[in-house]
Amino acid sequence: MRRAQHDGVTAPIRIGTSGWEYDDWRGRFYPTDLSRDDQLRFYAERFDTVEVNATFYRMPTDKVVAGWAAAVPVRRGRGKSGLHRAGCWLTARRGDPTESATETYRRTGMMNDER
């Protein structure tokens, strides 16, 4: 991992993309014989963060998030990194988002649990 320094403050620089499941990456980034189920694992072995766009459109089930968490390796001293996009029910709708925010944090927080 690279580190940046500005005004005496050092911070890690994480490199990643918005998503990991793209057909046009097959043969360019992913080996042609890699299964879709192995794409996140392959990606996470090469990049240390990813934006999970699916969380904007719908709340993932615990099973889906657990599958993502199992595919992402724990990096010694750094844990796992996944950046979850806040759901549209939090960012684009009126009303009290407390319940939705709490459930989103609970589910997506599973990605960052150390194993």
N, C-alpha and C. Protein backbone atom coordinates (compact mmCIF):
# COMPACT_ATOMS: atom_id res chain seq x y z
N MET A 1 0.85 -1.16 0.00
CA MET A 1 0.00 0.00 0.00
C MET A 1 0.90 1.23 0.00
N ARG A 2 0.50 2.19 -0.75
CA ARG A 2 1.24 3.45 -0.80
C ARG A 2 0.67 4.39 0.26
N ARG A 3 1.48 5.36 0.64
CA ARG A 3 1.04 6.34 1.63
C ARG A 3 1.27 7.73 1.07
N ALA A 4 0.39 8.63 1.40
CA ALA A 4 0.52 10.02 0.99
C ALA A 4 0.79 10.88 2.21
N GLN A 5 1.55 11.92 2.03
CA GLN A 5 1.81 12.83 3.14
C GLN A 5 1.51 14.25 2.70
N HIS A 6 0.79 14.97 3.56
CA HIS A 6 0.45 16.36 3.29
C HIS A 6 0.39 17.09 4.63
N ASP A 7 1.10 18.17 4.72
CA ASP A 7 1.13 18.97 5.96
C ASP A 7 1.43 18.13 7.19
N GLY A 8 2.36 17.19 7.05
CA GLY A 8 2.77 16.36 8.19
C GLY A 8 1.84 15.22 8.53
N VAL A 9 0.75 15.06 7.78
CA VAL A 9 -0.20 13.97 8.03
C VAL A 9 0.00 12.90 6.96
N THR A 10 0.20 11.68 7.41
CA THR A 10 0.37 10.57 6.49
C THR A 10 -0.90 9.72 6.48
N ALA A 11 -1.35 9.36 5.29
CA ALA A 11 -2.56 8.56 5.16
C ALA A 11 -2.36 7.51 4.07
N PRO A 12 -3.02 6.36 4.21
CA PRO A 12 -2.89 5.33 3.17
C PRO A 12 -3.62 5.75 1.90
N ILE A 13 -3.11 5.31 0.78
CA ILE A 13 -3.79 5.50 -0.50
C ILE A 13 -4.30 4.13 -0.92
N ARG A 14 -5.57 4.02 -1.11
CA ARG A 14 -6.18 2.76 -1.53
C ARG A 14 -6.60 2.90 -2.98
N ILE A 15 -6.32 1.88 -3.76
CA ILE A 15 -6.66 1.88 -5.18
C ILE A 15 -7.72 0.82 -5.44
N GLY A 16 -8.76 1.20 -6.15
CA GLY A 16 -9.81 0.26 -6.48
C GLY A 16 -10.70 0.83 -7.56
N THR A 17 -11.74 0.10 -7.90
CA THR A 17 -12.66 0.54 -8.95
C THR A 17 -14.09 0.53 -8.42
N SER A 18 -14.98 1.02 -9.23
CA SER A 18 -16.39 1.02 -8.92
C SER A 18 -16.99 -0.28 -9.48
N GLY A 19 -17.03 -1.30 -8.65
CA GLY A 19 -17.53 -2.60 -9.07
C GLY A 19 -16.43 -3.52 -9.52
N TRP A 20 -16.80 -4.78 -9.76
CA TRP A 20 -15.82 -5.79 -10.17
C TRP A 20 -16.38 -6.78 -11.20
N GLU A 21 -17.63 -6.67 -11.52
CA GLU A 21 -18.27 -7.68 -12.36
C GLU A 21 -18.65 -7.07 -13.71
N TYR A 22 -17.69 -7.06 -14.65
CA TYR A 22 -17.91 -6.47 -15.96
C TYR A 22 -17.50 -7.45 -17.05
N ASP A 23 -18.40 -7.72 -17.98
CA ASP A 23 -18.12 -8.68 -19.05
C ASP A 23 -16.89 -8.31 -19.88
N ASP A 24 -16.69 -7.02 -20.15
CA ASP A 24 -15.57 -6.64 -21.00
C ASP A 24 -14.21 -6.73 -20.29
N TRP A 25 -14.20 -7.06 -19.01
CA TRP A 25 -12.93 -7.30 -18.31
C TRP A 25 -12.40 -8.70 -18.55
N ARG A 26 -13.29 -9.61 -19.02
CA ARG A 26 -12.88 -11.00 -19.27
C ARG A 26 -11.88 -11.01 -20.43
N GLY A 27 -10.71 -11.61 -20.17
CA GLY A 27 -9.67 -11.66 -21.18
C GLY A 27 -8.75 -10.45 -21.15
N ARG A 28 -9.20 -9.37 -20.53
CA ARG A 28 -8.35 -8.17 -20.37
C ARG A 28 -7.78 -8.10 -18.97
N PHE A 29 -8.63 -8.31 -17.99
CA PHE A 29 -8.21 -8.32 -16.59
C PHE A 29 -8.38 -9.71 -16.00
N TYR A 30 -9.56 -10.28 -16.19
CA TYR A 30 -9.83 -11.64 -15.69
C TYR A 30 -9.40 -12.66 -16.72
N PRO A 31 -8.83 -13.78 -16.27
CA PRO A 31 -8.56 -14.86 -17.23
C PRO A 31 -9.88 -15.32 -17.86
N THR A 32 -9.84 -15.73 -19.10
CA THR A 32 -11.07 -16.11 -19.81
C THR A 32 -11.76 -17.30 -19.16
N ASP A 33 -11.02 -18.15 -18.47
CA ASP A 33 -11.63 -19.34 -17.87
C ASP A 33 -12.03 -19.14 -16.40
N LEU A 34 -11.92 -17.91 -15.88
CA LEU A 34 -12.29 -17.64 -14.49
C LEU A 34 -13.81 -17.56 -14.37
N SER A 35 -14.37 -18.26 -13.39
CA SER A 35 -15.83 -18.24 -13.21
C SER A 35 -16.26 -16.91 -12.60
N ARG A 36 -17.52 -16.54 -12.85
CA ARG A 36 -18.07 -15.32 -12.26
C ARG A 36 -17.97 -15.35 -10.74
N ASP A 37 -18.17 -16.53 -10.16
CA ASP A 37 -18.11 -16.67 -8.71
C ASP A 37 -16.73 -16.36 -8.14
N ASP A 38 -15.70 -16.45 -8.95
CA ASP A 38 -14.33 -16.20 -8.48
C ASP A 38 -13.82 -14.80 -8.82
N GLN A 39 -14.63 -13.99 -9.48
CA GLN A 39 -14.15 -12.67 -9.91
C GLN A 39 -13.82 -11.75 -8.74
N LEU A 40 -14.65 -11.69 -7.71
CA LEU A 40 -14.36 -10.80 -6.59
C LEU A 40 -13.08 -11.24 -5.87
N ARG A 41 -12.89 -12.52 -5.67
CA ARG A 41 -11.66 -13.01 -5.04
C ARG A 41 -10.44 -12.59 -5.86
N PHE A 42 -10.49 -12.83 -7.17
CA PHE A 42 -9.39 -12.47 -8.07
C PHE A 42 -9.12 -10.96 -7.99
N TYR A 43 -10.18 -10.16 -8.07
CA TYR A 43 -10.06 -8.71 -7.98
C TYR A 43 -9.40 -8.30 -6.66
N ALA A 44 -9.91 -8.85 -5.54
CA ALA A 44 -9.43 -8.45 -4.21
C ALA A 44 -7.98 -8.86 -3.95
N GLU A 45 -7.48 -9.82 -4.69
CA GLU A 45 -6.07 -10.18 -4.57
C GLU A 45 -5.16 -9.14 -5.23
N ARG A 46 -5.73 -8.28 -6.07
CA ARG A 46 -4.95 -7.31 -6.82
C ARG A 46 -5.18 -5.85 -6.40
N PHE A 47 -6.37 -5.56 -5.89
CA PHE A 47 -6.71 -4.22 -5.44
C PHE A 47 -7.11 -4.29 -3.98
N ASP A 48 -6.87 -3.19 -3.23
CA ASP A 48 -7.18 -3.26 -1.81
C ASP A 48 -8.47 -2.57 -1.41
N THR A 49 -9.27 -2.15 -2.39
CA THR A 49 -10.59 -1.61 -2.08
C THR A 49 -11.48 -1.72 -3.32
N VAL A 50 -12.79 -1.72 -3.08
CA VAL A 50 -13.75 -1.75 -4.18
C VAL A 50 -15.01 -1.02 -3.73
N GLU A 51 -15.63 -0.30 -4.66
CA GLU A 51 -16.90 0.33 -4.37
C GLU A 51 -18.00 -0.66 -4.75
N VAL A 52 -18.87 -0.95 -3.82
CA VAL A 52 -19.96 -1.88 -4.06
C VAL A 52 -21.19 -1.06 -4.44
N ASN A 53 -21.46 -0.97 -5.74
CA ASN A 53 -22.58 -0.16 -6.23
C ASN A 53 -23.94 -0.79 -5.94
N ALA A 54 -23.98 -2.10 -5.81
CA ALA A 54 -25.27 -2.79 -5.62
C ALA A 54 -25.99 -2.27 -4.38
N THR A 55 -25.26 -1.79 -3.40
CA THR A 55 -25.89 -1.32 -2.17
C THR A 55 -26.67 -0.02 -2.38
N PHE A 56 -26.45 0.68 -3.49
CA PHE A 56 -27.23 1.87 -3.79
C PHE A 56 -28.64 1.50 -4.24
N TYR A 57 -28.74 0.44 -5.02
CA TYR A 57 -30.00 0.09 -5.66
C TYR A 57 -30.92 -0.79 -4.80
N ARG A 58 -30.33 -1.62 -3.97
CA ARG A 58 -31.15 -2.47 -3.10
C ARG A 58 -30.29 -2.96 -1.94
N MET A 59 -30.94 -3.26 -0.85
CA MET A 59 -30.26 -3.76 0.32
C MET A 59 -29.87 -5.22 0.06
N PRO A 60 -28.60 -5.55 0.11
CA PRO A 60 -28.21 -6.94 -0.10
C PRO A 60 -28.62 -7.80 1.10
N THR A 61 -28.87 -9.06 0.84
CA THR A 61 -29.21 -9.97 1.93
C THR A 61 -27.94 -10.30 2.71
N ASP A 62 -28.12 -10.80 3.92
CA ASP A 62 -26.97 -11.22 4.72
C ASP A 62 -26.16 -12.27 3.97
N LYS A 63 -26.84 -13.16 3.26
CA LYS A 63 -26.15 -14.24 2.52
C LYS A 63 -25.25 -13.65 1.43
N VAL A 64 -25.74 -12.66 0.70
CA VAL A 64 -24.94 -12.03 -0.35
C VAL A 64 -23.71 -11.35 0.25
N VAL A 65 -23.89 -10.58 1.32
CA VAL A 65 -22.77 -9.88 1.95
C VAL A 65 -21.78 -10.88 2.54
N ALA A 66 -22.27 -11.95 3.12
CA ALA A 66 -21.38 -12.98 3.66
C ALA A 66 -20.55 -13.61 2.53
N GLY A 67 -21.15 -13.78 1.36
CA GLY A 67 -20.41 -14.30 0.20
C GLY A 67 -19.32 -13.34 -0.25
N TRP A 68 -19.64 -12.04 -0.26
CA TRP A 68 -18.62 -11.05 -0.60
C TRP A 68 -17.49 -11.11 0.42
N ALA A 69 -17.85 -11.15 1.70
CA ALA A 69 -16.84 -11.15 2.76
C ALA A 69 -15.94 -12.38 2.67
N ALA A 70 -16.51 -13.52 2.34
CA ALA A 70 -15.72 -14.75 2.22
C ALA A 70 -14.75 -14.68 1.04
N ALA A 71 -15.10 -13.92 0.01
CA ALA A 71 -14.27 -13.84 -1.19
C ALA A 71 -13.10 -12.87 -1.03
N VAL A 72 -13.21 -11.95 -0.09
CA VAL A 72 -12.19 -10.91 0.07
C VAL A 72 -11.21 -11.32 1.16
N PRO A 73 -9.94 -11.44 0.81
CA PRO A 73 -8.96 -11.86 1.82
C PRO A 73 -8.69 -10.77 2.84
N VAL A 74 -8.35 -11.20 4.06
CA VAL A 74 -7.90 -10.26 5.07
C VAL A 74 -6.43 -9.98 4.79
N ARG A 75 -6.09 -8.73 4.66
CA ARG A 75 -4.69 -8.35 4.41
C ARG A 75 -4.03 -8.06 5.75
N ARG A 76 -2.91 -8.70 5.99
CA ARG A 76 -2.25 -8.57 7.27
C ARG A 76 -2.06 -7.09 7.64
N GLY A 77 -2.55 -6.74 8.82
CA GLY A 77 -2.40 -5.38 9.31
C GLY A 77 -3.38 -4.39 8.73
N ARG A 78 -4.21 -4.82 7.77
CA ARG A 78 -5.13 -3.87 7.13
C ARG A 78 -6.57 -4.34 7.13
N GLY A 79 -6.82 -5.57 7.46
CA GLY A 79 -8.18 -6.07 7.40
C GLY A 79 -8.67 -6.15 5.96
N LYS A 80 -9.97 -5.97 5.77
CA LYS A 80 -10.58 -5.99 4.43
C LYS A 80 -11.09 -4.61 4.11
N SER A 81 -11.15 -4.29 2.83
CA SER A 81 -11.66 -2.99 2.43
C SER A 81 -12.78 -3.14 1.42
N GLY A 82 -13.91 -2.55 1.72
CA GLY A 82 -15.01 -2.46 0.78
C GLY A 82 -15.73 -1.16 1.06
N LEU A 83 -15.95 -0.37 0.05
CA LEU A 83 -16.65 0.88 0.21
C LEU A 83 -18.07 0.67 -0.32
N HIS A 84 -19.04 0.78 0.56
CA HIS A 84 -20.43 0.53 0.17
C HIS A 84 -21.13 1.85 -0.09
N ARG A 85 -21.72 1.93 -1.23
CA ARG A 85 -22.42 3.15 -1.62
C ARG A 85 -23.73 3.23 -0.83
N ALA A 86 -23.99 4.38 -0.24
CA ALA A 86 -25.22 4.56 0.54
C ALA A 86 -26.43 4.36 -0.36
N GLY A 87 -27.41 3.66 0.14
CA GLY A 87 -28.59 3.34 -0.64
C GLY A 87 -29.43 4.56 -0.99
N CYS A 88 -30.17 4.45 -2.08
CA CYS A 88 -31.01 5.56 -2.51
C CYS A 88 -32.07 5.88 -1.46
N TRP A 89 -32.44 4.90 -0.64
CA TRP A 89 -33.42 5.15 0.41
C TRP A 89 -32.82 6.03 1.51
N LEU A 90 -31.49 6.18 1.52
CA LEU A 90 -30.84 7.08 2.47
C LEU A 90 -30.52 8.44 1.84
N THR A 91 -30.20 8.44 0.56
CA THR A 91 -29.70 9.66 -0.06
C THR A 91 -30.70 10.40 -0.93
N ALA A 92 -31.76 9.74 -1.38
CA ALA A 92 -32.64 10.37 -2.36
C ALA A 92 -34.11 10.43 -1.93
N ARG A 93 -34.39 10.04 -0.73
CA ARG A 93 -35.78 10.06 -0.28
C ARG A 93 -35.91 10.89 0.98
N ARG A 94 -37.09 11.42 1.18
CA ARG A 94 -37.35 12.22 2.37
C ARG A 94 -37.78 11.32 3.51
N GLY A 95 -37.70 11.86 4.70
CA GLY A 95 -38.12 11.11 5.86
C GLY A 95 -36.91 10.74 6.72
N ASP A 96 -37.20 10.03 7.78
CA ASP A 96 -36.17 9.64 8.73
C ASP A 96 -35.45 8.38 8.24
N PRO A 97 -34.17 8.50 7.92
CA PRO A 97 -33.44 7.34 7.39
C PRO A 97 -32.79 6.48 8.47
N THR A 98 -33.09 6.73 9.75
CA THR A 98 -32.38 6.06 10.84
C THR A 98 -32.44 4.54 10.74
N GLU A 99 -33.63 3.98 10.54
CA GLU A 99 -33.77 2.52 10.47
C GLU A 99 -33.00 1.95 9.28
N SER A 100 -33.14 2.58 8.12
CA SER A 100 -32.42 2.11 6.93
C SER A 100 -30.91 2.23 7.11
N ALA A 101 -30.46 3.32 7.72
CA ALA A 101 -29.02 3.52 7.94
C ALA A 101 -28.48 2.46 8.89
N THR A 102 -29.21 2.15 9.94
CA THR A 102 -28.78 1.16 10.92
C THR A 102 -28.67 -0.22 10.26
N GLU A 103 -29.65 -0.60 9.46
CA GLU A 103 -29.64 -1.91 8.79
C GLU A 103 -28.54 -1.97 7.73
N THR A 104 -28.34 -0.89 7.00
CA THR A 104 -27.26 -0.85 6.01
C THR A 104 -25.92 -1.04 6.69
N TYR A 105 -25.69 -0.34 7.78
CA TYR A 105 -24.42 -0.44 8.51
C TYR A 105 -24.22 -1.86 9.04
N ARG A 106 -25.29 -2.45 9.59
CA ARG A 106 -25.18 -3.81 10.12
C ARG A 106 -24.77 -4.79 9.04
N ARG A 107 -25.47 -4.74 7.90
CA ARG A 107 -25.18 -5.72 6.84
C ARG A 107 -23.83 -5.49 6.18
N THR A 108 -23.56 -4.28 5.78
CA THR A 108 -22.31 -4.03 5.07
C THR A 108 -21.11 -4.07 6.01
N GLY A 109 -21.32 -3.89 7.28
CA GLY A 109 -20.24 -4.01 8.26
C GLY A 109 -19.67 -5.41 8.33
N MET A 110 -20.46 -6.40 7.89
CA MET A 110 -19.98 -7.79 7.85
C MET A 110 -18.76 -7.91 6.94
N MET A 111 -18.66 -7.05 5.93
CA MET A 111 -17.53 -7.09 5.01
C MET A 111 -16.23 -6.75 5.70
N ASN A 112 -16.30 -5.96 6.74
CA ASN A 112 -15.09 -5.48 7.37
C ASN A 112 -14.70 -6.24 8.63
N ASP A 113 -15.47 -7.27 8.99
CA ASP A 113 -15.10 -8.09 10.13
C ASP A 113 -13.83 -8.86 9.82
N GLU A 114 -12.91 -8.85 10.75
CA GLU A 114 -11.67 -9.63 10.59
C GLU A 114 -12.01 -11.09 10.81
N ARG A 115 -11.40 -11.96 10.01
CA ARG A 115 -11.60 -13.39 10.17
C ARG A 115 -10.36 -13.98 10.80
